[in-house]
Amino acid sequence: MTLFGMIIYLILNYQINSREKNTKLLRVWPSYRAEECDWAIRKFICLRCLKNGYKYAQEISFDEERRPIRLHGCFSDRRGFFPIEEGKNHPVDF
């Protein structure tokens, strides 16, 4: 491999790794009845979203070691994703 080829390889590899670290994923689950929230990681958030006409969602980003960091919240086509913090934005006695 020539020096030029090596430099191109390193630049492309750096760009790919940078994109992977900054990638955010959005998972949105349709739920129409309270029973459908039984599988949710944060069931009370799912129930709260359902009560207000939204869908339960998770935004997943990754730290430097590529471990997932999950934010739980609600999603609507109009508002997009908005996180719900435990015990702060809503009552937990649903």
N, C-alpha and C. Protein backbone atom coordinates (compact mmCIF):
# COMPACT_ATOMS: atom_id res chain seq x y z
N MET A 1 0.85 -1.17 0.00
CA MET A 1 0.00 0.00 0.00
C MET A 1 0.90 1.23 0.00
N THR A 2 0.55 2.18 -0.81
CA THR A 2 1.33 3.40 -0.90
C THR A 2 1.00 4.33 0.27
N LEU A 3 1.80 5.32 0.45
CA LEU A 3 1.57 6.30 1.52
C LEU A 3 0.24 7.02 1.30
N PHE A 4 -0.05 7.37 0.06
CA PHE A 4 -1.32 8.03 -0.25
C PHE A 4 -2.51 7.13 0.10
N GLY A 5 -2.40 5.86 -0.26
CA GLY A 5 -3.46 4.90 0.05
C GLY A 5 -3.65 4.75 1.55
N MET A 6 -2.57 4.73 2.30
CA MET A 6 -2.63 4.61 3.75
C MET A 6 -3.32 5.82 4.37
N ILE A 7 -3.02 7.01 3.86
CA ILE A 7 -3.63 8.23 4.38
C ILE A 7 -5.13 8.23 4.10
N ILE A 8 -5.53 7.85 2.90
CA ILE A 8 -6.96 7.77 2.56
C ILE A 8 -7.66 6.76 3.47
N TYR A 9 -7.04 5.61 3.69
CA TYR A 9 -7.62 4.58 4.56
C TYR A 9 -7.83 5.12 5.97
N LEU A 10 -6.84 5.81 6.52
CA LEU A 10 -6.95 6.35 7.87
C LEU A 10 -8.04 7.42 7.97
N ILE A 11 -8.14 8.28 6.97
CA ILE A 11 -9.17 9.32 6.97
C ILE A 11 -10.56 8.69 6.92
N LEU A 12 -10.77 7.74 6.03
CA LEU A 12 -12.08 7.09 5.93
C LEU A 12 -12.43 6.32 7.19
N ASN A 13 -11.46 5.63 7.77
CA ASN A 13 -11.69 4.87 9.01
C ASN A 13 -12.07 5.82 10.14
N TYR A 14 -11.42 6.96 10.24
CA TYR A 14 -11.73 7.95 11.27
C TYR A 14 -13.15 8.49 11.09
N GLN A 15 -13.54 8.78 9.84
CA GLN A 15 -14.88 9.31 9.59
C GLN A 15 -15.95 8.29 9.93
N ILE A 16 -15.73 7.04 9.60
CA ILE A 16 -16.71 6.00 9.91
C ILE A 16 -16.86 5.84 11.41
N ASN A 17 -15.74 5.79 12.14
CA ASN A 17 -15.80 5.65 13.60
C ASN A 17 -16.46 6.86 14.25
N SER A 18 -16.23 8.06 13.74
CA SER A 18 -16.85 9.26 14.29
C SER A 18 -18.35 9.22 14.11
N ARG A 19 -18.82 8.77 12.96
CA ARG A 19 -20.26 8.68 12.71
C ARG A 19 -20.90 7.66 13.63
N GLU A 20 -20.24 6.52 13.84
CA GLU A 20 -20.80 5.48 14.70
C GLU A 20 -20.95 5.97 16.13
N LYS A 21 -20.01 6.75 16.63
CA LYS A 21 -20.08 7.25 18.00
C LYS A 21 -21.21 8.25 18.18
N ASN A 22 -21.52 9.01 17.14
CA ASN A 22 -22.54 10.05 17.24
C ASN A 22 -23.93 9.57 16.82
N THR A 23 -24.05 8.32 16.46
CA THR A 23 -25.32 7.80 15.99
C THR A 23 -26.33 7.72 17.13
N LYS A 24 -27.53 8.18 16.86
CA LYS A 24 -28.63 8.04 17.81
C LYS A 24 -29.72 7.25 17.11
N LEU A 25 -30.28 6.32 17.83
CA LEU A 25 -31.38 5.51 17.31
C LEU A 25 -32.65 5.89 18.04
N LEU A 26 -33.76 5.78 17.36
CA LEU A 26 -35.05 6.05 17.98
C LEU A 26 -35.94 4.84 17.77
N ARG A 27 -36.38 4.24 18.88
CA ARG A 27 -37.32 3.13 18.85
C ARG A 27 -38.67 3.65 19.28
N VAL A 28 -39.67 3.41 18.45
CA VAL A 28 -41.04 3.84 18.77
C VAL A 28 -41.94 2.62 18.69
N TRP A 29 -42.68 2.37 19.77
CA TRP A 29 -43.60 1.24 19.80
C TRP A 29 -45.03 1.75 19.78
N PRO A 30 -45.83 1.22 18.89
CA PRO A 30 -47.25 1.59 18.95
C PRO A 30 -47.92 0.85 20.09
N SER A 31 -48.63 1.55 20.91
CA SER A 31 -49.40 0.92 21.99
C SER A 31 -50.74 1.61 22.05
N TYR A 32 -51.78 0.80 22.03
CA TYR A 32 -53.13 1.32 21.98
C TYR A 32 -53.95 0.95 23.21
N ARG A 33 -53.49 -0.04 23.97
CA ARG A 33 -54.18 -0.47 25.19
C ARG A 33 -53.16 -0.59 26.32
N ALA A 34 -53.61 -0.47 27.54
CA ALA A 34 -52.70 -0.53 28.70
C ALA A 34 -51.99 -1.87 28.79
N GLU A 35 -52.62 -2.96 28.36
CA GLU A 35 -52.00 -4.28 28.42
C GLU A 35 -50.75 -4.37 27.53
N GLU A 36 -50.70 -3.55 26.50
CA GLU A 36 -49.56 -3.56 25.58
C GLU A 36 -48.32 -2.92 26.21
N CYS A 37 -48.45 -2.29 27.36
CA CYS A 37 -47.30 -1.68 28.04
C CYS A 37 -46.61 -2.66 28.99
N ASP A 38 -47.11 -3.89 29.12
CA ASP A 38 -46.51 -4.86 30.03
C ASP A 38 -45.06 -5.19 29.67
N TRP A 39 -44.69 -5.10 28.42
CA TRP A 39 -43.34 -5.45 27.96
C TRP A 39 -42.37 -4.27 28.07
N ALA A 40 -42.86 -3.08 28.30
CA ALA A 40 -42.01 -1.89 28.29
C ALA A 40 -41.02 -1.89 29.44
N ILE A 41 -39.83 -1.37 29.20
CA ILE A 41 -38.81 -1.28 30.25
C ILE A 41 -39.28 -0.34 31.35
N ARG A 42 -39.87 0.77 30.98
CA ARG A 42 -40.45 1.73 31.93
C ARG A 42 -41.97 1.74 31.71
N LYS A 43 -42.63 0.80 32.35
CA LYS A 43 -44.06 0.61 32.12
C LYS A 43 -44.87 1.86 32.44
N PHE A 44 -44.55 2.54 33.53
CA PHE A 44 -45.32 3.72 33.91
C PHE A 44 -45.15 4.85 32.90
N ILE A 45 -43.99 4.92 32.22
CA ILE A 45 -43.82 5.93 31.17
C ILE A 45 -44.68 5.56 29.96
N CYS A 46 -44.70 4.28 29.62
CA CYS A 46 -45.53 3.81 28.52
C CYS A 46 -47.00 4.12 28.79
N LEU A 47 -47.45 3.85 30.02
CA LEU A 47 -48.85 4.12 30.37
C LEU A 47 -49.15 5.61 30.32
N ARG A 48 -48.20 6.42 30.76
CA ARG A 48 -48.40 7.87 30.74
C ARG A 48 -48.49 8.39 29.30
N CYS A 49 -47.62 7.87 28.44
CA CYS A 49 -47.67 8.27 27.03
C CYS A 49 -49.01 7.88 26.41
N LEU A 50 -49.42 6.66 26.69
CA LEU A 50 -50.69 6.14 26.15
C LEU A 50 -51.87 6.99 26.62
N LYS A 51 -51.86 7.36 27.89
CA LYS A 51 -52.94 8.17 28.45
C LYS A 51 -53.06 9.52 27.75
N ASN A 52 -51.91 10.07 27.33
CA ASN A 52 -51.90 11.39 26.69
C ASN A 52 -51.93 11.33 25.17
N GLY A 53 -52.12 10.13 24.61
CA GLY A 53 -52.24 10.00 23.16
C GLY A 53 -50.92 9.93 22.42
N TYR A 54 -49.83 9.59 23.12
CA TYR A 54 -48.53 9.46 22.50
C TYR A 54 -48.11 8.00 22.44
N LYS A 55 -46.98 7.74 21.78
CA LYS A 55 -46.42 6.40 21.70
C LYS A 55 -45.19 6.34 22.60
N TYR A 56 -44.96 5.18 23.23
CA TYR A 56 -43.77 4.98 24.06
C TYR A 56 -42.55 4.88 23.14
N ALA A 57 -41.45 5.49 23.52
CA ALA A 57 -40.25 5.49 22.68
C ALA A 57 -38.99 5.51 23.52
N GLN A 58 -37.91 5.08 22.91
CA GLN A 58 -36.58 5.15 23.51
C GLN A 58 -35.64 5.80 22.51
N GLU A 59 -34.81 6.72 23.01
CA GLU A 59 -33.73 7.27 22.19
C GLU A 59 -32.45 6.61 22.70
N ILE A 60 -31.72 5.98 21.82
CA ILE A 60 -30.53 5.23 22.21
C ILE A 60 -29.32 5.90 21.58
N SER A 61 -28.37 6.30 22.42
CA SER A 61 -27.09 6.82 21.95
C SER A 61 -26.00 5.93 22.56
N PHE A 62 -24.76 6.16 22.16
CA PHE A 62 -23.67 5.30 22.60
C PHE A 62 -22.53 6.14 23.18
N ASP A 63 -21.94 5.64 24.27
CA ASP A 63 -20.80 6.34 24.86
C ASP A 63 -19.52 5.97 24.12
N GLU A 64 -18.38 6.43 24.63
CA GLU A 64 -17.09 6.20 23.97
C GLU A 64 -16.74 4.72 23.83
N GLU A 65 -17.23 3.91 24.76
CA GLU A 65 -16.95 2.47 24.72
C GLU A 65 -18.07 1.71 24.01
N ARG A 66 -18.92 2.44 23.31
CA ARG A 66 -20.03 1.88 22.52
C ARG A 66 -21.07 1.15 23.36
N ARG A 67 -21.22 1.57 24.60
CA ARG A 67 -22.30 1.04 25.44
C ARG A 67 -23.54 1.89 25.22
N PRO A 68 -24.71 1.26 25.17
CA PRO A 68 -25.93 2.04 24.91
C PRO A 68 -26.36 2.88 26.11
N ILE A 69 -26.83 4.07 25.82
CA ILE A 69 -27.42 4.96 26.82
C ILE A 69 -28.85 5.21 26.35
N ARG A 70 -29.82 4.84 27.17
CA ARG A 70 -31.23 4.93 26.76
C ARG A 70 -31.96 6.03 27.50
N LEU A 71 -32.68 6.83 26.76
CA LEU A 71 -33.61 7.81 27.33
C LEU A 71 -35.01 7.31 27.00
N HIS A 72 -35.87 7.27 27.99
CA HIS A 72 -37.23 6.81 27.80
C HIS A 72 -38.16 8.02 27.74
N GLY A 73 -39.14 7.93 26.86
CA GLY A 73 -40.07 9.04 26.74
C GLY A 73 -41.21 8.71 25.81
N CYS A 74 -41.79 9.76 25.27
CA CYS A 74 -42.94 9.63 24.38
C CYS A 74 -42.59 10.18 23.00
N PHE A 75 -43.41 9.79 22.03
CA PHE A 75 -43.21 10.24 20.66
C PHE A 75 -44.55 10.56 20.03
N SER A 76 -44.58 11.64 19.28
CA SER A 76 -45.74 11.95 18.44
C SER A 76 -45.20 12.49 17.12
N ASP A 77 -45.99 12.36 16.09
CA ASP A 77 -45.55 12.86 14.78
C ASP A 77 -45.35 14.38 14.81
N ARG A 78 -46.13 15.04 15.61
CA ARG A 78 -46.06 16.50 15.67
C ARG A 78 -44.89 17.00 16.52
N ARG A 79 -44.70 16.40 17.70
CA ARG A 79 -43.65 16.86 18.63
C ARG A 79 -42.34 16.12 18.49
N GLY A 80 -42.37 14.94 17.89
CA GLY A 80 -41.18 14.12 17.83
C GLY A 80 -40.97 13.43 19.17
N PHE A 81 -39.71 13.10 19.49
CA PHE A 81 -39.39 12.43 20.75
C PHE A 81 -39.18 13.46 21.85
N PHE A 82 -39.75 13.18 23.03
CA PHE A 82 -39.46 14.02 24.20
C PHE A 82 -39.32 13.10 25.41
N PRO A 83 -38.19 13.22 26.11
CA PRO A 83 -37.92 12.32 27.25
C PRO A 83 -38.81 12.64 28.44
N ILE A 84 -39.07 11.61 29.22
CA ILE A 84 -39.82 11.73 30.47
C ILE A 84 -38.88 11.27 31.59
N GLU A 85 -38.62 12.14 32.54
CA GLU A 85 -37.75 11.78 33.66
C GLU A 85 -38.58 11.14 34.76
N GLU A 86 -38.04 10.10 35.35
CA GLU A 86 -38.77 9.37 36.39
C GLU A 86 -39.15 10.29 37.55
N GLY A 87 -40.43 10.34 37.86
CA GLY A 87 -40.90 11.08 39.03
C GLY A 87 -40.90 12.58 38.90
N LYS A 88 -40.44 13.15 37.78
CA LYS A 88 -40.38 14.61 37.68
C LYS A 88 -41.49 15.17 36.80
N ASN A 89 -41.71 14.60 35.64
CA ASN A 89 -42.66 15.16 34.69
C ASN A 89 -44.06 14.60 34.86
N HIS A 90 -44.22 13.63 35.71
CA HIS A 90 -45.50 12.96 35.78
C HIS A 90 -45.66 12.27 37.12
N PRO A 91 -46.89 12.05 37.54
CA PRO A 91 -47.09 11.25 38.74
C PRO A 91 -46.85 9.78 38.42
N VAL A 92 -46.31 9.03 39.37
CA VAL A 92 -46.02 7.63 39.13
C VAL A 92 -47.19 6.73 39.54
N ASP A 93 -48.20 7.30 40.16
CA ASP A 93 -49.37 6.50 40.55
C ASP A 93 -50.40 6.55 39.42
N PHE A 94 -50.27 5.68 38.51
CA PHE A 94 -51.13 5.69 37.32
C PHE A 94 -52.36 4.85 37.56
